Amino acid sequence: NGIDLDHEVTRKIEKNVRREYERN
């Protein structure tokens, strides 16, 4: 599908690090 998975994984990890969670 023409996806650079290295780039996408790096981008996703950076996004996940910025996310904030609280327990319900």
PDBML (XML) file of the C-alpha atoms, coordinates in Angstrom:
<?xml version="1.0" encoding="UTF-8" ?>
<PDBx:datablock datablockName="MODEL"
   xmlns:PDBx="http://pdbml.pdb.org/schema/pdbx-v50.xsd"
   xmlns:xsi="http://www.w3.org/2001/XMLSchema-instance"
   xsi:schemaLocation="http://pdbml.pdb.org/schema/pdbx-v50.xsd pdbx-v50.xsd">
   <PDBx:atom_siteCategory>
      <PDBx:atom_site id="1">
         <PDBx:B_iso_or_equiv>0.00</PDBx:B_iso_or_equiv>
         <PDBx:Cartn_x>0.000</PDBx:Cartn_x>
         <PDBx:Cartn_y>0.000</PDBx:Cartn_y>
         <PDBx:Cartn_z>0.000</PDBx:Cartn_z>
         <PDBx:auth_asym_id>A</PDBx:auth_asym_id>
         <PDBx:auth_atom_id>CA</PDBx:auth_atom_id>
         <PDBx:auth_comp_id>ASN</PDBx:auth_comp_id>
         <PDBx:auth_seq_id>1</PDBx:auth_seq_id>
         <PDBx:group_PDB>ATOM</PDBx:group_PDB>
         <PDBx:label_alt_id xsi:nil="true" />
         <PDBx:label_asym_id>A</PDBx:label_asym_id>
         <PDBx:label_atom_id>CA</PDBx:label_atom_id>
         <PDBx:label_comp_id>ASN</PDBx:label_comp_id>
         <PDBx:label_entity_id>1</PDBx:label_entity_id>
         <PDBx:label_seq_id>1</PDBx:label_seq_id>
         <PDBx:occupancy>1.00</PDBx:occupancy>
         <PDBx:pdbx_PDB_model_num>1</PDBx:pdbx_PDB_model_num>
         <PDBx:type_symbol>C</PDBx:type_symbol>
      </PDBx:atom_site>
      <PDBx:atom_site id="2">
         <PDBx:B_iso_or_equiv>0.00</PDBx:B_iso_or_equiv>
         <PDBx:Cartn_x>3.012</PDBx:Cartn_x>
         <PDBx:Cartn_y>2.307</PDBx:Cartn_y>
         <PDBx:Cartn_z>-0.318</PDBx:Cartn_z>
         <PDBx:auth_asym_id>A</PDBx:auth_asym_id>
         <PDBx:auth_atom_id>CA</PDBx:auth_atom_id>
         <PDBx:auth_comp_id>GLY</PDBx:auth_comp_id>
         <PDBx:auth_seq_id>2</PDBx:auth_seq_id>
         <PDBx:group_PDB>ATOM</PDBx:group_PDB>
         <PDBx:label_alt_id xsi:nil="true" />
         <PDBx:label_asym_id>A</PDBx:label_asym_id>
         <PDBx:label_atom_id>CA</PDBx:label_atom_id>
         <PDBx:label_comp_id>GLY</PDBx:label_comp_id>
         <PDBx:label_entity_id>1</PDBx:label_entity_id>
         <PDBx:label_seq_id>2</PDBx:label_seq_id>
         <PDBx:occupancy>1.00</PDBx:occupancy>
         <PDBx:pdbx_PDB_model_num>1</PDBx:pdbx_PDB_model_num>
         <PDBx:type_symbol>C</PDBx:type_symbol>
      </PDBx:atom_site>
      <PDBx:atom_site id="3">
         <PDBx:B_iso_or_equiv>0.00</PDBx:B_iso_or_equiv>
         <PDBx:Cartn_x>3.260</PDBx:Cartn_x>
         <PDBx:Cartn_y>2.939</PDBx:Cartn_y>
         <PDBx:Cartn_z>3.412</PDBx:Cartn_z>
         <PDBx:auth_asym_id>A</PDBx:auth_asym_id>
         <PDBx:auth_atom_id>CA</PDBx:auth_atom_id>
         <PDBx:auth_comp_id>ILE</PDBx:auth_comp_id>
         <PDBx:auth_seq_id>3</PDBx:auth_seq_id>
         <PDBx:group_PDB>ATOM</PDBx:group_PDB>
         <PDBx:label_alt_id xsi:nil="true" />
         <PDBx:label_asym_id>A</PDBx:label_asym_id>
         <PDBx:label_atom_id>CA</PDBx:label_atom_id>
         <PDBx:label_comp_id>ILE</PDBx:label_comp_id>
         <PDBx:label_entity_id>1</PDBx:label_entity_id>
         <PDBx:label_seq_id>3</PDBx:label_seq_id>
         <PDBx:occupancy>1.00</PDBx:occupancy>
         <PDBx:pdbx_PDB_model_num>1</PDBx:pdbx_PDB_model_num>
         <PDBx:type_symbol>C</PDBx:type_symbol>
      </PDBx:atom_site>
      <PDBx:atom_site id="4">
         <PDBx:B_iso_or_equiv>0.00</PDBx:B_iso_or_equiv>
         <PDBx:Cartn_x>6.592</PDBx:Cartn_x>
         <PDBx:Cartn_y>3.608</PDBx:Cartn_y>
         <PDBx:Cartn_z>5.104</PDBx:Cartn_z>
         <PDBx:auth_asym_id>A</PDBx:auth_asym_id>
         <PDBx:auth_atom_id>CA</PDBx:auth_atom_id>
         <PDBx:auth_comp_id>ASP</PDBx:auth_comp_id>
         <PDBx:auth_seq_id>4</PDBx:auth_seq_id>
         <PDBx:group_PDB>ATOM</PDBx:group_PDB>
         <PDBx:label_alt_id xsi:nil="true" />
         <PDBx:label_asym_id>A</PDBx:label_asym_id>
         <PDBx:label_atom_id>CA</PDBx:label_atom_id>
         <PDBx:label_comp_id>ASP</PDBx:label_comp_id>
         <PDBx:label_entity_id>1</PDBx:label_entity_id>
         <PDBx:label_seq_id>4</PDBx:label_seq_id>
         <PDBx:occupancy>1.00</PDBx:occupancy>
         <PDBx:pdbx_PDB_model_num>1</PDBx:pdbx_PDB_model_num>
         <PDBx:type_symbol>C</PDBx:type_symbol>
      </PDBx:atom_site>
      <PDBx:atom_site id="5">
         <PDBx:B_iso_or_equiv>0.00</PDBx:B_iso_or_equiv>
         <PDBx:Cartn_x>5.867</PDBx:Cartn_x>
         <PDBx:Cartn_y>1.671</PDBx:Cartn_y>
         <PDBx:Cartn_z>8.297</PDBx:Cartn_z>
         <PDBx:auth_asym_id>A</PDBx:auth_asym_id>
         <PDBx:auth_atom_id>CA</PDBx:auth_atom_id>
         <PDBx:auth_comp_id>LEU</PDBx:auth_comp_id>
         <PDBx:auth_seq_id>5</PDBx:auth_seq_id>
         <PDBx:group_PDB>ATOM</PDBx:group_PDB>
         <PDBx:label_alt_id xsi:nil="true" />
         <PDBx:label_asym_id>A</PDBx:label_asym_id>
         <PDBx:label_atom_id>CA</PDBx:label_atom_id>
         <PDBx:label_comp_id>LEU</PDBx:label_comp_id>
         <PDBx:label_entity_id>1</PDBx:label_entity_id>
         <PDBx:label_seq_id>5</PDBx:label_seq_id>
         <PDBx:occupancy>1.00</PDBx:occupancy>
         <PDBx:pdbx_PDB_model_num>1</PDBx:pdbx_PDB_model_num>
         <PDBx:type_symbol>C</PDBx:type_symbol>
      </PDBx:atom_site>
      <PDBx:atom_site id="6">
         <PDBx:B_iso_or_equiv>0.00</PDBx:B_iso_or_equiv>
         <PDBx:Cartn_x>9.044</PDBx:Cartn_x>
         <PDBx:Cartn_y>2.937</PDBx:Cartn_y>
         <PDBx:Cartn_z>9.975</PDBx:Cartn_z>
         <PDBx:auth_asym_id>A</PDBx:auth_asym_id>
         <PDBx:auth_atom_id>CA</PDBx:auth_atom_id>
         <PDBx:auth_comp_id>ASP</PDBx:auth_comp_id>
         <PDBx:auth_seq_id>6</PDBx:auth_seq_id>
         <PDBx:group_PDB>ATOM</PDBx:group_PDB>
         <PDBx:label_alt_id xsi:nil="true" />
         <PDBx:label_asym_id>A</PDBx:label_asym_id>
         <PDBx:label_atom_id>CA</PDBx:label_atom_id>
         <PDBx:label_comp_id>ASP</PDBx:label_comp_id>
         <PDBx:label_entity_id>1</PDBx:label_entity_id>
         <PDBx:label_seq_id>6</PDBx:label_seq_id>
         <PDBx:occupancy>1.00</PDBx:occupancy>
         <PDBx:pdbx_PDB_model_num>1</PDBx:pdbx_PDB_model_num>
         <PDBx:type_symbol>C</PDBx:type_symbol>
      </PDBx:atom_site>
      <PDBx:atom_site id="7">
         <PDBx:B_iso_or_equiv>0.00</PDBx:B_iso_or_equiv>
         <PDBx:Cartn_x>7.751</PDBx:Cartn_x>
         <PDBx:Cartn_y>6.495</PDBx:Cartn_y>
         <PDBx:Cartn_z>9.621</PDBx:Cartn_z>
         <PDBx:auth_asym_id>A</PDBx:auth_asym_id>
         <PDBx:auth_atom_id>CA</PDBx:auth_atom_id>
         <PDBx:auth_comp_id>HIS</PDBx:auth_comp_id>
         <PDBx:auth_seq_id>7</PDBx:auth_seq_id>
         <PDBx:group_PDB>ATOM</PDBx:group_PDB>
         <PDBx:label_alt_id xsi:nil="true" />
         <PDBx:label_asym_id>A</PDBx:label_asym_id>
         <PDBx:label_atom_id>CA</PDBx:label_atom_id>
         <PDBx:label_comp_id>HIS</PDBx:label_comp_id>
         <PDBx:label_entity_id>1</PDBx:label_entity_id>
         <PDBx:label_seq_id>7</PDBx:label_seq_id>
         <PDBx:occupancy>1.00</PDBx:occupancy>
         <PDBx:pdbx_PDB_model_num>1</PDBx:pdbx_PDB_model_num>
         <PDBx:type_symbol>C</PDBx:type_symbol>
      </PDBx:atom_site>
      <PDBx:atom_site id="8">
         <PDBx:B_iso_or_equiv>0.00</PDBx:B_iso_or_equiv>
         <PDBx:Cartn_x>4.208</PDBx:Cartn_x>
         <PDBx:Cartn_y>5.590</PDBx:Cartn_y>
         <PDBx:Cartn_z>10.684</PDBx:Cartn_z>
         <PDBx:auth_asym_id>A</PDBx:auth_asym_id>
         <PDBx:auth_atom_id>CA</PDBx:auth_atom_id>
         <PDBx:auth_comp_id>GLU</PDBx:auth_comp_id>
         <PDBx:auth_seq_id>8</PDBx:auth_seq_id>
         <PDBx:group_PDB>ATOM</PDBx:group_PDB>
         <PDBx:label_alt_id xsi:nil="true" />
         <PDBx:label_asym_id>A</PDBx:label_asym_id>
         <PDBx:label_atom_id>CA</PDBx:label_atom_id>
         <PDBx:label_comp_id>GLU</PDBx:label_comp_id>
         <PDBx:label_entity_id>1</PDBx:label_entity_id>
         <PDBx:label_seq_id>8</PDBx:label_seq_id>
         <PDBx:occupancy>1.00</PDBx:occupancy>
         <PDBx:pdbx_PDB_model_num>1</PDBx:pdbx_PDB_model_num>
         <PDBx:type_symbol>C</PDBx:type_symbol>
      </PDBx:atom_site>
      <PDBx:atom_site id="9">
         <PDBx:B_iso_or_equiv>0.00</PDBx:B_iso_or_equiv>
         <PDBx:Cartn_x>5.325</PDBx:Cartn_x>
         <PDBx:Cartn_y>3.691</PDBx:Cartn_y>
         <PDBx:Cartn_z>13.808</PDBx:Cartn_z>
         <PDBx:auth_asym_id>A</PDBx:auth_asym_id>
         <PDBx:auth_atom_id>CA</PDBx:auth_atom_id>
         <PDBx:auth_comp_id>VAL</PDBx:auth_comp_id>
         <PDBx:auth_seq_id>9</PDBx:auth_seq_id>
         <PDBx:group_PDB>ATOM</PDBx:group_PDB>
         <PDBx:label_alt_id xsi:nil="true" />
         <PDBx:label_asym_id>A</PDBx:label_asym_id>
         <PDBx:label_atom_id>CA</PDBx:label_atom_id>
         <PDBx:label_comp_id>VAL</PDBx:label_comp_id>
         <PDBx:label_entity_id>1</PDBx:label_entity_id>
         <PDBx:label_seq_id>9</PDBx:label_seq_id>
         <PDBx:occupancy>1.00</PDBx:occupancy>
         <PDBx:pdbx_PDB_model_num>1</PDBx:pdbx_PDB_model_num>
         <PDBx:type_symbol>C</PDBx:type_symbol>
      </PDBx:atom_site>
      <PDBx:atom_site id="10">
         <PDBx:B_iso_or_equiv>0.00</PDBx:B_iso_or_equiv>
         <PDBx:Cartn_x>7.574</PDBx:Cartn_x>
         <PDBx:Cartn_y>6.579</PDBx:Cartn_y>
         <PDBx:Cartn_z>14.862</PDBx:Cartn_z>
         <PDBx:auth_asym_id>A</PDBx:auth_asym_id>
         <PDBx:auth_atom_id>CA</PDBx:auth_atom_id>
         <PDBx:auth_comp_id>THR</PDBx:auth_comp_id>
         <PDBx:auth_seq_id>10</PDBx:auth_seq_id>
         <PDBx:group_PDB>ATOM</PDBx:group_PDB>
         <PDBx:label_alt_id xsi:nil="true" />
         <PDBx:label_asym_id>A</PDBx:label_asym_id>
         <PDBx:label_atom_id>CA</PDBx:label_atom_id>
         <PDBx:label_comp_id>THR</PDBx:label_comp_id>
         <PDBx:label_entity_id>1</PDBx:label_entity_id>
         <PDBx:label_seq_id>10</PDBx:label_seq_id>
         <PDBx:occupancy>1.00</PDBx:occupancy>
         <PDBx:pdbx_PDB_model_num>1</PDBx:pdbx_PDB_model_num>
         <PDBx:type_symbol>C</PDBx:type_symbol>
      </PDBx:atom_site>
      <PDBx:atom_site id="11">
         <PDBx:B_iso_or_equiv>0.00</PDBx:B_iso_or_equiv>
         <PDBx:Cartn_x>4.746</PDBx:Cartn_x>
         <PDBx:Cartn_y>9.063</PDBx:Cartn_y>
         <PDBx:Cartn_z>14.334</PDBx:Cartn_z>
         <PDBx:auth_asym_id>A</PDBx:auth_asym_id>
         <PDBx:auth_atom_id>CA</PDBx:auth_atom_id>
         <PDBx:auth_comp_id>ARG</PDBx:auth_comp_id>
         <PDBx:auth_seq_id>11</PDBx:auth_seq_id>
         <PDBx:group_PDB>ATOM</PDBx:group_PDB>
         <PDBx:label_alt_id xsi:nil="true" />
         <PDBx:label_asym_id>A</PDBx:label_asym_id>
         <PDBx:label_atom_id>CA</PDBx:label_atom_id>
         <PDBx:label_comp_id>ARG</PDBx:label_comp_id>
         <PDBx:label_entity_id>1</PDBx:label_entity_id>
         <PDBx:label_seq_id>11</PDBx:label_seq_id>
         <PDBx:occupancy>1.00</PDBx:occupancy>
         <PDBx:pdbx_PDB_model_num>1</PDBx:pdbx_PDB_model_num>
         <PDBx:type_symbol>C</PDBx:type_symbol>
      </PDBx:atom_site>
      <PDBx:atom_site id="12">
         <PDBx:B_iso_or_equiv>0.00</PDBx:B_iso_or_equiv>
         <PDBx:Cartn_x>2.241</PDBx:Cartn_x>
         <PDBx:Cartn_y>6.890</PDBx:Cartn_y>
         <PDBx:Cartn_z>16.237</PDBx:Cartn_z>
         <PDBx:auth_asym_id>A</PDBx:auth_asym_id>
         <PDBx:auth_atom_id>CA</PDBx:auth_atom_id>
         <PDBx:auth_comp_id>LYS</PDBx:auth_comp_id>
         <PDBx:auth_seq_id>12</PDBx:auth_seq_id>
         <PDBx:group_PDB>ATOM</PDBx:group_PDB>
         <PDBx:label_alt_id xsi:nil="true" />
         <PDBx:label_asym_id>A</PDBx:label_asym_id>
         <PDBx:label_atom_id>CA</PDBx:label_atom_id>
         <PDBx:label_comp_id>LYS</PDBx:label_comp_id>
         <PDBx:label_entity_id>1</PDBx:label_entity_id>
         <PDBx:label_seq_id>12</PDBx:label_seq_id>
         <PDBx:occupancy>1.00</PDBx:occupancy>
         <PDBx:pdbx_PDB_model_num>1</PDBx:pdbx_PDB_model_num>
         <PDBx:type_symbol>C</PDBx:type_symbol>
      </PDBx:atom_site>
      <PDBx:atom_site id="13">
         <PDBx:B_iso_or_equiv>0.00</PDBx:B_iso_or_equiv>
         <PDBx:Cartn_x>4.554</PDBx:Cartn_x>
         <PDBx:Cartn_y>6.391</PDBx:Cartn_y>
         <PDBx:Cartn_z>19.229</PDBx:Cartn_z>
         <PDBx:auth_asym_id>A</PDBx:auth_asym_id>
         <PDBx:auth_atom_id>CA</PDBx:auth_atom_id>
         <PDBx:auth_comp_id>ILE</PDBx:auth_comp_id>
         <PDBx:auth_seq_id>13</PDBx:auth_seq_id>
         <PDBx:group_PDB>ATOM</PDBx:group_PDB>
         <PDBx:label_alt_id xsi:nil="true" />
         <PDBx:label_asym_id>A</PDBx:label_asym_id>
         <PDBx:label_atom_id>CA</PDBx:label_atom_id>
         <PDBx:label_comp_id>ILE</PDBx:label_comp_id>
         <PDBx:label_entity_id>1</PDBx:label_entity_id>
         <PDBx:label_seq_id>13</PDBx:label_seq_id>
         <PDBx:occupancy>1.00</PDBx:occupancy>
         <PDBx:pdbx_PDB_model_num>1</PDBx:pdbx_PDB_model_num>
         <PDBx:type_symbol>C</PDBx:type_symbol>
      </PDBx:atom_site>
      <PDBx:atom_site id="14">
         <PDBx:B_iso_or_equiv>0.00</PDBx:B_iso_or_equiv>
         <PDBx:Cartn_x>5.104</PDBx:Cartn_x>
         <PDBx:Cartn_y>10.151</PDBx:Cartn_y>
         <PDBx:Cartn_z>19.432</PDBx:Cartn_z>
         <PDBx:auth_asym_id>A</PDBx:auth_asym_id>
         <PDBx:auth_atom_id>CA</PDBx:auth_atom_id>
         <PDBx:auth_comp_id>GLU</PDBx:auth_comp_id>
         <PDBx:auth_seq_id>14</PDBx:auth_seq_id>
         <PDBx:group_PDB>ATOM</PDBx:group_PDB>
         <PDBx:label_alt_id xsi:nil="true" />
         <PDBx:label_asym_id>A</PDBx:label_asym_id>
         <PDBx:label_atom_id>CA</PDBx:label_atom_id>
         <PDBx:label_comp_id>GLU</PDBx:label_comp_id>
         <PDBx:label_entity_id>1</PDBx:label_entity_id>
         <PDBx:label_seq_id>14</PDBx:label_seq_id>
         <PDBx:occupancy>1.00</PDBx:occupancy>
         <PDBx:pdbx_PDB_model_num>1</PDBx:pdbx_PDB_model_num>
         <PDBx:type_symbol>C</PDBx:type_symbol>
      </PDBx:atom_site>
      <PDBx:atom_site id="15">
         <PDBx:B_iso_or_equiv>0.00</PDBx:B_iso_or_equiv>
         <PDBx:Cartn_x>1.320</PDBx:Cartn_x>
         <PDBx:Cartn_y>10.687</PDBx:Cartn_y>
         <PDBx:Cartn_z>19.304</PDBx:Cartn_z>
         <PDBx:auth_asym_id>A</PDBx:auth_asym_id>
         <PDBx:auth_atom_id>CA</PDBx:auth_atom_id>
         <PDBx:auth_comp_id>LYS</PDBx:auth_comp_id>
         <PDBx:auth_seq_id>15</PDBx:auth_seq_id>
         <PDBx:group_PDB>ATOM</PDBx:group_PDB>
         <PDBx:label_alt_id xsi:nil="true" />
         <PDBx:label_asym_id>A</PDBx:label_asym_id>
         <PDBx:label_atom_id>CA</PDBx:label_atom_id>
         <PDBx:label_comp_id>LYS</PDBx:label_comp_id>
         <PDBx:label_entity_id>1</PDBx:label_entity_id>
         <PDBx:label_seq_id>15</PDBx:label_seq_id>
         <PDBx:occupancy>1.00</PDBx:occupancy>
         <PDBx:pdbx_PDB_model_num>1</PDBx:pdbx_PDB_model_num>
         <PDBx:type_symbol>C</PDBx:type_symbol>
      </PDBx:atom_site>
      <PDBx:atom_site id="16">
         <PDBx:B_iso_or_equiv>0.00</PDBx:B_iso_or_equiv>
         <PDBx:Cartn_x>0.699</PDBx:Cartn_x>
         <PDBx:Cartn_y>8.071</PDBx:Cartn_y>
         <PDBx:Cartn_z>22.004</PDBx:Cartn_z>
         <PDBx:auth_asym_id>A</PDBx:auth_asym_id>
         <PDBx:auth_atom_id>CA</PDBx:auth_atom_id>
         <PDBx:auth_comp_id>ASN</PDBx:auth_comp_id>
         <PDBx:auth_seq_id>16</PDBx:auth_seq_id>
         <PDBx:group_PDB>ATOM</PDBx:group_PDB>
         <PDBx:label_alt_id xsi:nil="true" />
         <PDBx:label_asym_id>A</PDBx:label_asym_id>
         <PDBx:label_atom_id>CA</PDBx:label_atom_id>
         <PDBx:label_comp_id>ASN</PDBx:label_comp_id>
         <PDBx:label_entity_id>1</PDBx:label_entity_id>
         <PDBx:label_seq_id>16</PDBx:label_seq_id>
         <PDBx:occupancy>1.00</PDBx:occupancy>
         <PDBx:pdbx_PDB_model_num>1</PDBx:pdbx_PDB_model_num>
         <PDBx:type_symbol>C</PDBx:type_symbol>
      </PDBx:atom_site>
      <PDBx:atom_site id="17">
         <PDBx:B_iso_or_equiv>0.00</PDBx:B_iso_or_equiv>
         <PDBx:Cartn_x>3.271</PDBx:Cartn_x>
         <PDBx:Cartn_y>9.673</PDBx:Cartn_y>
         <PDBx:Cartn_z>24.306</PDBx:Cartn_z>
         <PDBx:auth_asym_id>A</PDBx:auth_asym_id>
         <PDBx:auth_atom_id>CA</PDBx:auth_atom_id>
         <PDBx:auth_comp_id>VAL</PDBx:auth_comp_id>
         <PDBx:auth_seq_id>17</PDBx:auth_seq_id>
         <PDBx:group_PDB>ATOM</PDBx:group_PDB>
         <PDBx:label_alt_id xsi:nil="true" />
         <PDBx:label_asym_id>A</PDBx:label_asym_id>
         <PDBx:label_atom_id>CA</PDBx:label_atom_id>
         <PDBx:label_comp_id>VAL</PDBx:label_comp_id>
         <PDBx:label_entity_id>1</PDBx:label_entity_id>
         <PDBx:label_seq_id>17</PDBx:label_seq_id>
         <PDBx:occupancy>1.00</PDBx:occupancy>
         <PDBx:pdbx_PDB_model_num>1</PDBx:pdbx_PDB_model_num>
         <PDBx:type_symbol>C</PDBx:type_symbol>
      </PDBx:atom_site>
      <PDBx:atom_site id="18">
         <PDBx:B_iso_or_equiv>0.00</PDBx:B_iso_or_equiv>
         <PDBx:Cartn_x>1.390</PDBx:Cartn_x>
         <PDBx:Cartn_y>13.005</PDBx:Cartn_y>
         <PDBx:Cartn_z>24.123</PDBx:Cartn_z>
         <PDBx:auth_asym_id>A</PDBx:auth_asym_id>
         <PDBx:auth_atom_id>CA</PDBx:auth_atom_id>
         <PDBx:auth_comp_id>ARG</PDBx:auth_comp_id>
         <PDBx:auth_seq_id>18</PDBx:auth_seq_id>
         <PDBx:group_PDB>ATOM</PDBx:group_PDB>
         <PDBx:label_alt_id xsi:nil="true" />
         <PDBx:label_asym_id>A</PDBx:label_asym_id>
         <PDBx:label_atom_id>CA</PDBx:label_atom_id>
         <PDBx:label_comp_id>ARG</PDBx:label_comp_id>
         <PDBx:label_entity_id>1</PDBx:label_entity_id>
         <PDBx:label_seq_id>18</PDBx:label_seq_id>
         <PDBx:occupancy>1.00</PDBx:occupancy>
         <PDBx:pdbx_PDB_model_num>1</PDBx:pdbx_PDB_model_num>
         <PDBx:type_symbol>C</PDBx:type_symbol>
      </PDBx:atom_site>
      <PDBx:atom_site id="19">
         <PDBx:B_iso_or_equiv>0.00</PDBx:B_iso_or_equiv>
         <PDBx:Cartn_x>-2.001</PDBx:Cartn_x>
         <PDBx:Cartn_y>11.454</PDBx:Cartn_y>
         <PDBx:Cartn_z>24.931</PDBx:Cartn_z>
         <PDBx:auth_asym_id>A</PDBx:auth_asym_id>
         <PDBx:auth_atom_id>CA</PDBx:auth_atom_id>
         <PDBx:auth_comp_id>ARG</PDBx:auth_comp_id>
         <PDBx:auth_seq_id>19</PDBx:auth_seq_id>
         <PDBx:group_PDB>ATOM</PDBx:group_PDB>
         <PDBx:label_alt_id xsi:nil="true" />
         <PDBx:label_asym_id>A</PDBx:label_asym_id>
         <PDBx:label_atom_id>CA</PDBx:label_atom_id>
         <PDBx:label_comp_id>ARG</PDBx:label_comp_id>
         <PDBx:label_entity_id>1</PDBx:label_entity_id>
         <PDBx:label_seq_id>19</PDBx:label_seq_id>
         <PDBx:occupancy>1.00</PDBx:occupancy>
         <PDBx:pdbx_PDB_model_num>1</PDBx:pdbx_PDB_model_num>
         <PDBx:type_symbol>C</PDBx:type_symbol>
      </PDBx:atom_site>
      <PDBx:atom_site id="20">
         <PDBx:B_iso_or_equiv>0.00</PDBx:B_iso_or_equiv>
         <PDBx:Cartn_x>-3.331</PDBx:Cartn_x>
         <PDBx:Cartn_y>11.709</PDBx:Cartn_y>
         <PDBx:Cartn_z>28.469</PDBx:Cartn_z>
         <PDBx:auth_asym_id>A</PDBx:auth_asym_id>
         <PDBx:auth_atom_id>CA</PDBx:auth_atom_id>
         <PDBx:auth_comp_id>GLU</PDBx:auth_comp_id>
         <PDBx:auth_seq_id>20</PDBx:auth_seq_id>
         <PDBx:group_PDB>ATOM</PDBx:group_PDB>
         <PDBx:label_alt_id xsi:nil="true" />
         <PDBx:label_asym_id>A</PDBx:label_asym_id>
         <PDBx:label_atom_id>CA</PDBx:label_atom_id>
         <PDBx:label_comp_id>GLU</PDBx:label_comp_id>
         <PDBx:label_entity_id>1</PDBx:label_entity_id>
         <PDBx:label_seq_id>20</PDBx:label_seq_id>
         <PDBx:occupancy>1.00</PDBx:occupancy>
         <PDBx:pdbx_PDB_model_num>1</PDBx:pdbx_PDB_model_num>
         <PDBx:type_symbol>C</PDBx:type_symbol>
      </PDBx:atom_site>
      <PDBx:atom_site id="21">
         <PDBx:B_iso_or_equiv>0.00</PDBx:B_iso_or_equiv>
         <PDBx:Cartn_x>-5.525</PDBx:Cartn_x>
         <PDBx:Cartn_y>9.151</PDBx:Cartn_y>
         <PDBx:Cartn_z>30.228</PDBx:Cartn_z>
         <PDBx:auth_asym_id>A</PDBx:auth_asym_id>
         <PDBx:auth_atom_id>CA</PDBx:auth_atom_id>
         <PDBx:auth_comp_id>TYR</PDBx:auth_comp_id>
         <PDBx:auth_seq_id>21</PDBx:auth_seq_id>
         <PDBx:group_PDB>ATOM</PDBx:group_PDB>
         <PDBx:label_alt_id xsi:nil="true" />
         <PDBx:label_asym_id>A</PDBx:label_asym_id>
         <PDBx:label_atom_id>CA</PDBx:label_atom_id>
         <PDBx:label_comp_id>TYR</PDBx:label_comp_id>
         <PDBx:label_entity_id>1</PDBx:label_entity_id>
         <PDBx:label_seq_id>21</PDBx:label_seq_id>
         <PDBx:occupancy>1.00</PDBx:occupancy>
         <PDBx:pdbx_PDB_model_num>1</PDBx:pdbx_PDB_model_num>
         <PDBx:type_symbol>C</PDBx:type_symbol>
      </PDBx:atom_site>
      <PDBx:atom_site id="22">
         <PDBx:B_iso_or_equiv>0.00</PDBx:B_iso_or_equiv>
         <PDBx:Cartn_x>-7.543</PDBx:Cartn_x>
         <PDBx:Cartn_y>8.963</PDBx:Cartn_y>
         <PDBx:Cartn_z>33.405</PDBx:Cartn_z>
         <PDBx:auth_asym_id>A</PDBx:auth_asym_id>
         <PDBx:auth_atom_id>CA</PDBx:auth_atom_id>
         <PDBx:auth_comp_id>GLU</PDBx:auth_comp_id>
         <PDBx:auth_seq_id>22</PDBx:auth_seq_id>
         <PDBx:group_PDB>ATOM</PDBx:group_PDB>
         <PDBx:label_alt_id xsi:nil="true" />
         <PDBx:label_asym_id>A</PDBx:label_asym_id>
         <PDBx:label_atom_id>CA</PDBx:label_atom_id>
         <PDBx:label_comp_id>GLU</PDBx:label_comp_id>
         <PDBx:label_entity_id>1</PDBx:label_entity_id>
         <PDBx:label_seq_id>22</PDBx:label_seq_id>
         <PDBx:occupancy>1.00</PDBx:occupancy>
         <PDBx:pdbx_PDB_model_num>1</PDBx:pdbx_PDB_model_num>
         <PDBx:type_symbol>C</PDBx:type_symbol>
      </PDBx:atom_site>
      <PDBx:atom_site id="23">
         <PDBx:B_iso_or_equiv>0.00</PDBx:B_iso_or_equiv>
         <PDBx:Cartn_x>-9.035</PDBx:Cartn_x>
         <PDBx:Cartn_y>5.842</PDBx:Cartn_y>
         <PDBx:Cartn_z>34.904</PDBx:Cartn_z>
         <PDBx:auth_asym_id>A</PDBx:auth_asym_id>
         <PDBx:auth_atom_id>CA</PDBx:auth_atom_id>
         <PDBx:auth_comp_id>ARG</PDBx:auth_comp_id>
         <PDBx:auth_seq_id>23</PDBx:auth_seq_id>
         <PDBx:group_PDB>ATOM</PDBx:group_PDB>
         <PDBx:label_alt_id xsi:nil="true" />
         <PDBx:label_asym_id>A</PDBx:label_asym_id>
         <PDBx:label_atom_id>CA</PDBx:label_atom_id>
         <PDBx:label_comp_id>ARG</PDBx:label_comp_id>
         <PDBx:label_entity_id>1</PDBx:label_entity_id>
         <PDBx:label_seq_id>23</PDBx:label_seq_id>
         <PDBx:occupancy>1.00</PDBx:occupancy>
         <PDBx:pdbx_PDB_model_num>1</PDBx:pdbx_PDB_model_num>
         <PDBx:type_symbol>C</PDBx:type_symbol>
      </PDBx:atom_site>
      <PDBx:atom_site id="24">
         <PDBx:B_iso_or_equiv>0.00</PDBx:B_iso_or_equiv>
         <PDBx:Cartn_x>-12.822</PDBx:Cartn_x>
         <PDBx:Cartn_y>5.666</PDBx:Cartn_y>
         <PDBx:Cartn_z>34.957</PDBx:Cartn_z>
         <PDBx:auth_asym_id>A</PDBx:auth_asym_id>
         <PDBx:auth_atom_id>CA</PDBx:auth_atom_id>
         <PDBx:auth_comp_id>ASN</PDBx:auth_comp_id>
         <PDBx:auth_seq_id>24</PDBx:auth_seq_id>
         <PDBx:group_PDB>ATOM</PDBx:group_PDB>
         <PDBx:label_alt_id xsi:nil="true" />
         <PDBx:label_asym_id>A</PDBx:label_asym_id>
         <PDBx:label_atom_id>CA</PDBx:label_atom_id>
         <PDBx:label_comp_id>ASN</PDBx:label_comp_id>
         <PDBx:label_entity_id>1</PDBx:label_entity_id>
         <PDBx:label_seq_id>24</PDBx:label_seq_id>
         <PDBx:occupancy>1.00</PDBx:occupancy>
         <PDBx:pdbx_PDB_model_num>1</PDBx:pdbx_PDB_model_num>
         <PDBx:type_symbol>C</PDBx:type_symbol>
      </PDBx:atom_site>
   </PDBx:atom_siteCategory>
</PDBx:datablock>
